[in-house]
Amino acid sequence: GNRESMLHYLETINWGVRGIVTDSTTHDPLFATIEVLGINHKIYSDPDLGDYYRMLLPGEYTLRFSADGYYSKEFYFVQVVEDHPTYLDVQLVPFSYALIEGTVTDKATQDPIPAKLEFIGDSTFVTQTDSSNGNFQIDLPLGKYQVIVSNDRYVPLTDSLTVTGNLTVNFQLQPYLCV
């Protein structure tokens, strides 16, 4: 009856995957999300210690570890066996960011103009210029981007940008010709 199922539960408590999630550079514990692909149930590591425990029945699983500001990592063919846990310690690599700043101006008059800037890389980052001075600044992870600068009264500008560190980039938009 009930006692047997409780004993069975206590026996299986060790089945699954456990370990510690840390920052690959500082080795500090991370508050991470742990997902088993194909199972719609997320668990989280302890933010103070970085440790996690995911109960799973014996089998083979793919696990994904993710945390804000870090590249996600997936582990394939993780084996879970009966009677003892599988240990999997994970180090996540932090995004490195750079500050991108600049001004958007009217190509004809050199006046600063309000504009929307989209930086499209692995993720998309969007910012606006300050309407008073045309200046913008945004923190972007290092990498390659397509930049789209737009304002309804101007021809949209598309450019490519490689971010390896802090950058100042200025954009000039061509006004639509009045017909």
N, C-alpha and C. Protein backbone atom coordinates (compact mmCIF):
# COMPACT_ATOMS: atom_id res chain seq x y z
N GLY A 1 0.82 -1.20 0.00
CA GLY A 1 0.00 0.00 0.00
C GLY A 1 0.86 1.25 0.00
N ASN A 2 0.46 2.20 0.83
CA ASN A 2 1.09 3.51 0.85
C ASN A 2 2.54 3.45 1.29
N ARG A 3 2.83 2.58 2.28
CA ARG A 3 4.18 2.50 2.80
C ARG A 3 5.16 2.04 1.71
N GLU A 4 4.72 1.06 0.90
CA GLU A 4 5.59 0.54 -0.16
C GLU A 4 5.91 1.63 -1.19
N SER A 5 4.88 2.44 -1.57
CA SER A 5 5.15 3.46 -2.58
C SER A 5 6.08 4.53 -2.00
N MET A 6 5.97 4.80 -0.70
CA MET A 6 6.87 5.77 -0.08
C MET A 6 8.31 5.22 -0.08
N LEU A 7 8.45 3.92 0.23
CA LEU A 7 9.78 3.31 0.21
C LEU A 7 10.36 3.33 -1.20
N HIS A 8 9.49 3.06 -2.21
CA HIS A 8 9.95 3.07 -3.59
C HIS A 8 10.41 4.48 -3.97
N TYR A 9 9.67 5.49 -3.52
CA TYR A 9 10.02 6.89 -3.80
C TYR A 9 11.39 7.20 -3.20
N LEU A 10 11.62 6.75 -1.96
CA LEU A 10 12.91 7.01 -1.30
C LEU A 10 14.05 6.31 -2.04
N GLU A 11 13.76 5.12 -2.61
CA GLU A 11 14.79 4.42 -3.37
C GLU A 11 15.15 5.17 -4.64
N THR A 12 14.14 5.77 -5.29
CA THR A 12 14.40 6.42 -6.58
C THR A 12 14.89 7.85 -6.41
N ILE A 13 14.91 8.36 -5.20
CA ILE A 13 15.26 9.76 -4.99
C ILE A 13 16.64 10.08 -5.54
N ASN A 14 17.53 9.08 -5.63
CA ASN A 14 18.87 9.31 -6.14
C ASN A 14 18.97 9.23 -7.65
N TRP A 15 17.88 8.81 -8.32
CA TRP A 15 17.97 8.68 -9.77
C TRP A 15 17.89 10.07 -10.36
N GLY A 16 18.78 10.34 -11.32
CA GLY A 16 18.71 11.64 -11.98
C GLY A 16 20.07 12.25 -12.15
N VAL A 17 20.05 13.56 -12.37
CA VAL A 17 21.28 14.28 -12.66
C VAL A 17 21.45 15.37 -11.61
N ARG A 18 22.66 15.49 -11.10
CA ARG A 18 22.93 16.55 -10.14
C ARG A 18 24.29 17.13 -10.39
N GLY A 19 24.51 18.32 -9.87
CA GLY A 19 25.80 18.96 -10.07
C GLY A 19 25.74 20.41 -9.65
N ILE A 20 26.73 21.18 -10.11
CA ILE A 20 26.85 22.58 -9.74
C ILE A 20 27.02 23.38 -11.03
N VAL A 21 26.33 24.52 -11.11
CA VAL A 21 26.46 25.41 -12.27
C VAL A 21 27.24 26.65 -11.83
N THR A 22 28.35 26.94 -12.55
CA THR A 22 29.19 28.07 -12.18
C THR A 22 29.54 28.92 -13.40
N ASP A 23 30.02 30.13 -13.13
CA ASP A 23 30.53 31.05 -14.14
C ASP A 23 31.92 30.54 -14.56
N SER A 24 32.15 30.42 -15.86
CA SER A 24 33.41 29.83 -16.34
C SER A 24 34.62 30.71 -16.05
N THR A 25 34.39 32.02 -15.83
CA THR A 25 35.54 32.90 -15.60
C THR A 25 35.80 33.13 -14.11
N THR A 26 34.73 33.33 -13.33
CA THR A 26 34.91 33.64 -11.91
C THR A 26 34.73 32.42 -11.02
N HIS A 27 34.11 31.35 -11.58
CA HIS A 27 33.77 30.12 -10.84
C HIS A 27 32.74 30.38 -9.73
N ASP A 28 32.05 31.54 -9.81
CA ASP A 28 30.97 31.81 -8.85
C ASP A 28 29.76 30.96 -9.20
N PRO A 29 28.98 30.58 -8.16
CA PRO A 29 27.75 29.82 -8.43
C PRO A 29 26.76 30.67 -9.24
N LEU A 30 25.98 30.00 -10.09
CA LEU A 30 25.01 30.70 -10.93
C LEU A 30 23.60 30.23 -10.63
N PHE A 31 22.66 31.17 -10.76
CA PHE A 31 21.24 30.84 -10.76
C PHE A 31 20.90 30.51 -12.20
N ALA A 32 20.75 29.22 -12.48
CA ALA A 32 20.56 28.77 -13.86
C ALA A 32 19.25 28.01 -13.99
N THR A 33 18.75 27.96 -15.23
CA THR A 33 17.57 27.16 -15.56
C THR A 33 18.07 25.86 -16.17
N ILE A 34 17.54 24.74 -15.68
CA ILE A 34 17.91 23.44 -16.22
C ILE A 34 16.68 22.83 -16.86
N GLU A 35 16.78 22.52 -18.16
CA GLU A 35 15.67 21.92 -18.88
C GLU A 35 16.10 20.56 -19.42
N VAL A 36 15.18 19.61 -19.37
CA VAL A 36 15.39 18.33 -20.04
C VAL A 36 14.57 18.42 -21.31
N LEU A 37 15.24 18.36 -22.48
CA LEU A 37 14.50 18.55 -23.73
C LEU A 37 13.47 17.44 -23.89
N GLY A 38 12.27 17.86 -24.27
CA GLY A 38 11.18 16.91 -24.43
C GLY A 38 10.34 16.75 -23.17
N ILE A 39 10.77 17.34 -22.05
CA ILE A 39 9.98 17.30 -20.82
C ILE A 39 9.70 18.74 -20.42
N ASN A 40 8.42 19.07 -20.34
CA ASN A 40 8.05 20.46 -20.11
C ASN A 40 8.04 20.78 -18.62
N HIS A 41 9.22 20.78 -18.00
CA HIS A 41 9.30 21.07 -16.56
C HIS A 41 10.71 21.58 -16.28
N LYS A 42 10.80 22.87 -15.97
CA LYS A 42 12.12 23.46 -15.72
C LYS A 42 12.43 23.40 -14.24
N ILE A 43 13.70 23.26 -13.92
CA ILE A 43 14.12 23.41 -12.53
C ILE A 43 15.24 24.44 -12.52
N TYR A 44 15.61 24.88 -11.34
CA TYR A 44 16.58 25.95 -11.21
C TYR A 44 17.66 25.56 -10.23
N SER A 45 18.88 26.07 -10.48
CA SER A 45 19.95 25.82 -9.52
C SER A 45 19.81 26.82 -8.37
N ASP A 46 20.38 26.46 -7.24
CA ASP A 46 20.35 27.32 -6.06
C ASP A 46 21.25 28.53 -6.34
N PRO A 47 20.71 29.77 -6.22
CA PRO A 47 21.52 30.94 -6.58
C PRO A 47 22.75 31.13 -5.68
N ASP A 48 22.70 30.64 -4.45
CA ASP A 48 23.82 30.83 -3.52
C ASP A 48 24.91 29.79 -3.71
N LEU A 49 24.50 28.57 -4.04
CA LEU A 49 25.46 27.46 -4.12
C LEU A 49 25.69 26.98 -5.55
N GLY A 50 24.72 27.25 -6.44
CA GLY A 50 24.83 26.81 -7.83
C GLY A 50 24.45 25.35 -8.03
N ASP A 51 24.05 24.66 -6.95
CA ASP A 51 23.77 23.24 -7.11
C ASP A 51 22.34 22.99 -7.57
N TYR A 52 22.17 21.87 -8.29
CA TYR A 52 20.85 21.50 -8.80
C TYR A 52 20.70 20.00 -8.68
N TYR A 53 19.45 19.56 -8.70
CA TYR A 53 19.17 18.13 -8.72
C TYR A 53 17.91 17.91 -9.54
N ARG A 54 18.01 17.12 -10.60
CA ARG A 54 16.86 16.84 -11.46
C ARG A 54 16.58 15.35 -11.40
N MET A 55 15.46 14.99 -10.73
CA MET A 55 15.07 13.58 -10.67
C MET A 55 14.63 13.12 -12.05
N LEU A 56 15.17 11.97 -12.50
CA LEU A 56 14.79 11.42 -13.80
C LEU A 56 14.81 9.90 -13.71
N LEU A 57 13.94 9.29 -14.46
CA LEU A 57 13.96 7.83 -14.55
C LEU A 57 15.16 7.43 -15.40
N PRO A 58 15.64 6.18 -15.23
CA PRO A 58 16.77 5.73 -16.05
C PRO A 58 16.49 5.93 -17.54
N GLY A 59 17.51 6.34 -18.27
CA GLY A 59 17.37 6.58 -19.70
C GLY A 59 18.44 7.54 -20.17
N GLU A 60 18.27 8.04 -21.40
CA GLU A 60 19.23 8.94 -22.01
C GLU A 60 18.52 10.27 -22.28
N TYR A 61 19.14 11.37 -21.89
CA TYR A 61 18.49 12.67 -21.97
C TYR A 61 19.41 13.74 -22.55
N THR A 62 18.78 14.79 -23.08
CA THR A 62 19.51 16.00 -23.46
C THR A 62 19.13 17.08 -22.47
N LEU A 63 20.14 17.70 -21.84
CA LEU A 63 19.90 18.75 -20.86
C LEU A 63 20.40 20.08 -21.38
N ARG A 64 19.63 21.13 -21.12
CA ARG A 64 20.04 22.49 -21.50
C ARG A 64 20.15 23.33 -20.24
N PHE A 65 21.29 24.02 -20.12
CA PHE A 65 21.54 24.91 -18.99
C PHE A 65 21.58 26.34 -19.52
N SER A 66 20.84 27.25 -18.88
CA SER A 66 20.88 28.64 -19.33
C SER A 66 20.79 29.57 -18.13
N ALA A 67 21.37 30.77 -18.29
CA ALA A 67 21.32 31.78 -17.24
C ALA A 67 21.40 33.14 -17.94
N ASP A 68 20.77 34.15 -17.35
CA ASP A 68 20.81 35.49 -17.93
C ASP A 68 22.24 35.98 -18.07
N GLY A 69 22.60 36.48 -19.25
CA GLY A 69 23.93 37.04 -19.47
C GLY A 69 24.97 35.99 -19.83
N TYR A 70 24.52 34.73 -20.09
CA TYR A 70 25.45 33.64 -20.40
C TYR A 70 24.99 32.91 -21.64
N TYR A 71 25.95 32.31 -22.34
CA TYR A 71 25.62 31.44 -23.46
C TYR A 71 25.04 30.15 -22.90
N SER A 72 23.93 29.68 -23.50
CA SER A 72 23.34 28.41 -23.07
C SER A 72 24.25 27.26 -23.50
N LYS A 73 24.13 26.15 -22.78
CA LYS A 73 24.95 24.98 -23.10
C LYS A 73 24.04 23.76 -23.08
N GLU A 74 24.20 22.89 -24.06
CA GLU A 74 23.42 21.65 -24.10
C GLU A 74 24.35 20.45 -23.97
N PHE A 75 23.86 19.45 -23.26
CA PHE A 75 24.59 18.20 -23.11
C PHE A 75 23.72 17.10 -23.66
N TYR A 76 24.28 16.32 -24.61
CA TYR A 76 23.53 15.26 -25.28
C TYR A 76 23.90 13.91 -24.69
N PHE A 77 22.98 12.96 -24.81
CA PHE A 77 23.24 11.56 -24.41
C PHE A 77 23.67 11.45 -22.95
N VAL A 78 23.01 12.22 -22.06
CA VAL A 78 23.32 12.11 -20.64
C VAL A 78 22.62 10.86 -20.12
N GLN A 79 23.40 9.94 -19.55
CA GLN A 79 22.87 8.65 -19.09
C GLN A 79 22.41 8.75 -17.65
N VAL A 80 21.17 8.34 -17.40
CA VAL A 80 20.68 8.23 -16.02
C VAL A 80 20.48 6.74 -15.74
N VAL A 81 21.05 6.28 -14.62
CA VAL A 81 20.95 4.86 -14.28
C VAL A 81 20.21 4.70 -12.96
N GLU A 82 19.88 3.47 -12.63
CA GLU A 82 19.19 3.18 -11.36
C GLU A 82 20.16 3.34 -10.20
N ASP A 83 19.60 3.70 -9.05
CA ASP A 83 20.27 3.62 -7.75
C ASP A 83 21.34 4.67 -7.44
N HIS A 84 21.89 5.34 -8.45
CA HIS A 84 22.80 6.42 -8.06
C HIS A 84 22.74 7.55 -9.07
N PRO A 85 22.99 8.78 -8.61
CA PRO A 85 22.85 9.94 -9.51
C PRO A 85 23.99 10.03 -10.53
N THR A 86 23.71 10.70 -11.63
CA THR A 86 24.71 11.05 -12.62
C THR A 86 25.17 12.46 -12.26
N TYR A 87 26.47 12.66 -12.13
CA TYR A 87 26.99 13.99 -11.77
C TYR A 87 27.38 14.76 -13.02
N LEU A 88 26.89 15.99 -13.13
CA LEU A 88 27.20 16.84 -14.27
C LEU A 88 27.39 18.27 -13.77
N ASP A 89 28.64 18.67 -13.62
CA ASP A 89 28.94 20.06 -13.25
C ASP A 89 29.09 20.86 -14.54
N VAL A 90 28.54 22.07 -14.53
CA VAL A 90 28.46 22.85 -15.75
C VAL A 90 29.04 24.24 -15.52
N GLN A 91 29.87 24.68 -16.47
CA GLN A 91 30.37 26.05 -16.43
C GLN A 91 29.78 26.79 -17.62
N LEU A 92 29.11 27.91 -17.34
CA LEU A 92 28.54 28.72 -18.42
C LEU A 92 29.44 29.92 -18.69
N VAL A 93 29.57 30.26 -19.97
CA VAL A 93 30.45 31.34 -20.40
C VAL A 93 29.63 32.64 -20.49
N PRO A 94 30.09 33.69 -19.79
CA PRO A 94 29.33 34.95 -19.83
C PRO A 94 29.46 35.66 -21.18
N PHE A 95 28.38 36.35 -21.57
CA PHE A 95 28.47 37.24 -22.73
C PHE A 95 29.48 38.32 -22.37
N SER A 96 30.24 38.74 -23.34
CA SER A 96 31.06 39.94 -23.14
C SER A 96 30.35 41.06 -23.88
N TYR A 97 30.21 42.19 -23.22
CA TYR A 97 29.48 43.31 -23.80
C TYR A 97 30.42 44.45 -24.13
N ALA A 98 30.01 45.28 -25.08
CA ALA A 98 30.74 46.51 -25.40
C ALA A 98 29.71 47.63 -25.49
N LEU A 99 30.16 48.85 -25.24
CA LEU A 99 29.30 50.03 -25.34
C LEU A 99 29.43 50.61 -26.75
N ILE A 100 28.30 50.70 -27.44
CA ILE A 100 28.26 51.29 -28.77
C ILE A 100 27.53 52.62 -28.63
N GLU A 101 28.15 53.69 -29.10
CA GLU A 101 27.47 54.98 -29.03
C GLU A 101 27.73 55.76 -30.29
N GLY A 102 26.89 56.77 -30.53
CA GLY A 102 27.06 57.57 -31.73
C GLY A 102 25.89 58.51 -31.90
N THR A 103 25.81 59.04 -33.12
CA THR A 103 24.79 60.04 -33.43
C THR A 103 24.17 59.70 -34.79
N VAL A 104 22.90 60.00 -34.93
CA VAL A 104 22.24 59.86 -36.22
C VAL A 104 21.87 61.27 -36.70
N THR A 105 22.33 61.58 -37.92
CA THR A 105 22.08 62.93 -38.45
C THR A 105 21.45 62.85 -39.85
N ASP A 106 20.88 63.98 -40.24
CA ASP A 106 20.31 64.16 -41.58
C ASP A 106 21.49 64.41 -42.53
N LYS A 107 21.59 63.60 -43.59
CA LYS A 107 22.73 63.69 -44.49
C LYS A 107 22.81 65.05 -45.18
N ALA A 108 21.65 65.66 -45.44
CA ALA A 108 21.63 66.93 -46.16
C ALA A 108 21.97 68.10 -45.24
N THR A 109 21.37 68.13 -44.05
CA THR A 109 21.51 69.30 -43.17
C THR A 109 22.49 69.10 -42.03
N GLN A 110 22.91 67.84 -41.80
CA GLN A 110 23.76 67.46 -40.65
C GLN A 110 23.04 67.63 -39.31
N ASP A 111 21.72 67.91 -39.33
CA ASP A 111 20.99 68.05 -38.07
C ASP A 111 20.79 66.68 -37.44
N PRO A 112 20.86 66.61 -36.10
CA PRO A 112 20.55 65.33 -35.43
C PRO A 112 19.08 64.99 -35.63
N ILE A 113 18.78 63.71 -35.81
CA ILE A 113 17.39 63.31 -36.00
C ILE A 113 17.04 62.13 -35.10
N PRO A 114 15.77 62.05 -34.71
CA PRO A 114 15.34 60.87 -33.96
C PRO A 114 15.33 59.66 -34.89
N ALA A 115 15.78 58.52 -34.40
CA ALA A 115 15.79 57.32 -35.23
C ALA A 115 15.73 56.09 -34.34
N LYS A 116 15.28 55.00 -34.95
CA LYS A 116 15.28 53.70 -34.28
C LYS A 116 16.46 52.93 -34.84
N LEU A 117 17.24 52.29 -33.96
CA LEU A 117 18.37 51.49 -34.40
C LEU A 117 18.15 50.05 -33.98
N GLU A 118 18.26 49.13 -34.95
CA GLU A 118 18.13 47.70 -34.64
C GLU A 118 19.46 47.03 -34.94
N PHE A 119 19.98 46.31 -33.97
CA PHE A 119 21.23 45.57 -34.13
C PHE A 119 20.86 44.09 -34.14
N ILE A 120 21.00 43.45 -35.32
CA ILE A 120 20.52 42.08 -35.48
C ILE A 120 21.72 41.14 -35.57
N GLY A 121 21.88 40.32 -34.53
CA GLY A 121 22.95 39.32 -34.51
C GLY A 121 22.33 38.00 -34.09
N ASP A 122 22.93 37.30 -33.12
CA ASP A 122 22.31 36.08 -32.59
C ASP A 122 20.99 36.44 -31.93
N SER A 123 20.94 37.62 -31.33
CA SER A 123 19.70 38.18 -30.81
C SER A 123 19.56 39.57 -31.43
N THR A 124 18.38 40.16 -31.28
CA THR A 124 18.16 41.51 -31.81
C THR A 124 18.08 42.49 -30.66
N PHE A 125 18.80 43.60 -30.78
CA PHE A 125 18.80 44.65 -29.77
C PHE A 125 18.31 45.92 -30.44
N VAL A 126 17.42 46.64 -29.76
CA VAL A 126 16.82 47.83 -30.35
C VAL A 126 17.01 49.00 -29.41
N THR A 127 17.34 50.17 -29.98
CA THR A 127 17.42 51.38 -29.18
C THR A 127 16.92 52.54 -30.01
N GLN A 128 16.75 53.69 -29.39
CA GLN A 128 16.30 54.91 -30.07
C GLN A 128 17.35 55.98 -29.80
N THR A 129 17.44 56.96 -30.72
CA THR A 129 18.29 58.11 -30.42
C THR A 129 17.51 59.04 -29.48
N ASP A 130 18.25 59.83 -28.75
CA ASP A 130 17.69 60.90 -27.94
C ASP A 130 17.17 61.94 -28.93
N SER A 131 15.88 62.29 -28.85
CA SER A 131 15.31 63.15 -29.88
C SER A 131 15.93 64.55 -29.88
N SER A 132 16.51 65.00 -28.76
CA SER A 132 17.06 66.35 -28.72
C SER A 132 18.41 66.46 -29.41
N ASN A 133 19.26 65.41 -29.30
CA ASN A 133 20.61 65.54 -29.86
C ASN A 133 21.00 64.42 -30.82
N GLY A 134 20.09 63.49 -31.09
CA GLY A 134 20.39 62.42 -32.05
C GLY A 134 21.36 61.37 -31.55
N ASN A 135 21.72 61.44 -30.25
CA ASN A 135 22.70 60.49 -29.72
C ASN A 135 22.03 59.19 -29.28
N PHE A 136 22.80 58.10 -29.37
CA PHE A 136 22.32 56.82 -28.83
C PHE A 136 23.48 56.14 -28.13
N GLN A 137 23.14 55.25 -27.19
CA GLN A 137 24.14 54.33 -26.67
C GLN A 137 23.45 53.04 -26.28
N ILE A 138 24.16 51.93 -26.47
CA ILE A 138 23.58 50.61 -26.22
C ILE A 138 24.71 49.66 -25.88
N ASP A 139 24.45 48.74 -24.95
CA ASP A 139 25.40 47.67 -24.62
C ASP A 139 25.07 46.47 -25.49
N LEU A 140 26.05 45.97 -26.22
CA LEU A 140 25.84 44.81 -27.09
C LEU A 140 26.85 43.73 -26.77
N PRO A 141 26.43 42.45 -26.81
CA PRO A 141 27.40 41.37 -26.72
C PRO A 141 28.35 41.44 -27.93
N LEU A 142 29.61 41.06 -27.74
CA LEU A 142 30.56 41.05 -28.85
C LEU A 142 30.04 40.15 -29.96
N GLY A 143 30.30 40.55 -31.21
CA GLY A 143 29.86 39.72 -32.33
C GLY A 143 29.58 40.56 -33.55
N LYS A 144 28.98 39.92 -34.55
CA LYS A 144 28.67 40.60 -35.82
C LYS A 144 27.18 40.94 -35.87
N TYR A 145 26.88 42.13 -36.39
CA TYR A 145 25.50 42.61 -36.46
C TYR A 145 25.19 43.21 -37.81
N GLN A 146 23.91 43.08 -38.20
CA GLN A 146 23.33 43.92 -39.25
C GLN A 146 22.68 45.07 -38.50
N VAL A 147 22.91 46.29 -38.93
CA VAL A 147 22.31 47.44 -38.27
C VAL A 147 21.29 48.05 -39.22
N ILE A 148 20.07 48.29 -38.73
CA ILE A 148 19.06 48.99 -39.52
C ILE A 148 18.69 50.26 -38.77
N VAL A 149 18.91 51.41 -39.43
CA VAL A 149 18.61 52.70 -38.82
C VAL A 149 17.41 53.26 -39.58
N SER A 150 16.34 53.61 -38.84
CA SER A 150 15.14 54.04 -39.55
C SER A 150 14.44 55.21 -38.88
N ASN A 151 13.79 55.99 -39.74
CA ASN A 151 12.94 57.12 -39.35
C ASN A 151 11.97 57.26 -40.52
N ASP A 152 10.68 57.45 -40.22
CA ASP A 152 9.64 57.45 -41.27
C ASP A 152 9.93 58.41 -42.42
N ARG A 153 10.63 59.50 -42.16
CA ARG A 153 10.83 60.51 -43.21
C ARG A 153 12.14 60.31 -43.97
N TYR A 154 12.86 59.22 -43.66
CA TYR A 154 14.16 59.01 -44.28
C TYR A 154 14.26 57.61 -44.89
N VAL A 155 15.16 57.48 -45.83
CA VAL A 155 15.44 56.17 -46.43
C VAL A 155 16.14 55.32 -45.36
N PRO A 156 15.62 54.12 -45.05
CA PRO A 156 16.28 53.28 -44.03
C PRO A 156 17.71 52.92 -44.45
N LEU A 157 18.60 52.89 -43.49
CA LEU A 157 20.00 52.59 -43.75
C LEU A 157 20.31 51.22 -43.16
N THR A 158 20.95 50.36 -43.96
CA THR A 158 21.38 49.05 -43.46
C THR A 158 22.89 48.99 -43.55
N ASP A 159 23.52 48.55 -42.48
CA ASP A 159 24.97 48.51 -42.44
C ASP A 159 25.37 47.25 -41.67
N SER A 160 26.62 46.83 -41.80
CA SER A 160 27.07 45.72 -40.96
C SER A 160 28.10 46.26 -39.99
N LEU A 161 28.15 45.63 -38.82
CA LEU A 161 28.99 46.12 -37.74
C LEU A 161 29.58 44.91 -37.01
N THR A 162 30.91 44.93 -36.82
CA THR A 162 31.54 43.89 -36.01
C THR A 162 31.96 44.53 -34.69
N VAL A 163 31.43 44.00 -33.60
CA VAL A 163 31.70 44.57 -32.28
C VAL A 163 32.75 43.72 -31.58
N THR A 164 33.95 44.31 -31.39
CA THR A 164 35.01 43.61 -30.67
C THR A 164 35.37 44.36 -29.39
N GLY A 165 34.78 45.55 -29.24
CA GLY A 165 35.04 46.37 -28.06
C GLY A 165 34.20 47.63 -28.18
N ASN A 166 34.40 48.58 -27.26
CA ASN A 166 33.61 49.81 -27.30
C ASN A 166 33.82 50.54 -28.62
N LEU A 167 32.74 51.10 -29.17
CA LEU A 167 32.79 51.73 -30.50
C LEU A 167 31.97 53.00 -30.52
N THR A 168 32.43 53.94 -31.33
CA THR A 168 31.59 55.09 -31.66
C THR A 168 31.26 54.99 -33.14
N VAL A 169 29.98 54.95 -33.47
CA VAL A 169 29.55 54.88 -34.88
C VAL A 169 28.48 55.92 -35.12
N ASN A 170 28.66 56.69 -36.19
CA ASN A 170 27.68 57.70 -36.55
C ASN A 170 26.99 57.29 -37.84
N PHE A 171 25.71 57.59 -37.93
CA PHE A 171 24.94 57.23 -39.13
C PHE A 171 24.31 58.49 -39.70
N GLN A 172 24.26 58.55 -41.05
CA GLN A 172 23.60 59.66 -41.72
C GLN A 172 22.47 59.09 -42.56
N LEU A 173 21.29 59.66 -42.39
CA LEU A 173 20.14 59.19 -43.16
C LEU A 173 19.82 60.18 -44.28
N GLN A 174 19.45 59.58 -45.41
CA GLN A 174 19.09 60.35 -46.59
C GLN A 174 17.58 60.64 -46.53
N PRO A 175 17.20 61.93 -46.59
CA PRO A 175 15.76 62.20 -46.56
C PRO A 175 15.09 61.66 -47.82
N TYR A 176 13.81 61.24 -47.70
CA TYR A 176 13.05 60.88 -48.89
C TYR A 176 12.89 62.14 -49.71
N LEU A 177 13.02 62.03 -51.01
CA LEU A 177 12.85 63.21 -51.86
C LEU A 177 11.38 63.58 -51.90
N CYS A 178 11.11 64.86 -51.75
CA CYS A 178 9.72 65.31 -51.85
C CYS A 178 9.34 65.29 -53.31
N VAL A 179 8.18 64.71 -53.58
CA VAL A 179 7.76 64.61 -54.98
C VAL A 179 6.72 65.68 -55.25
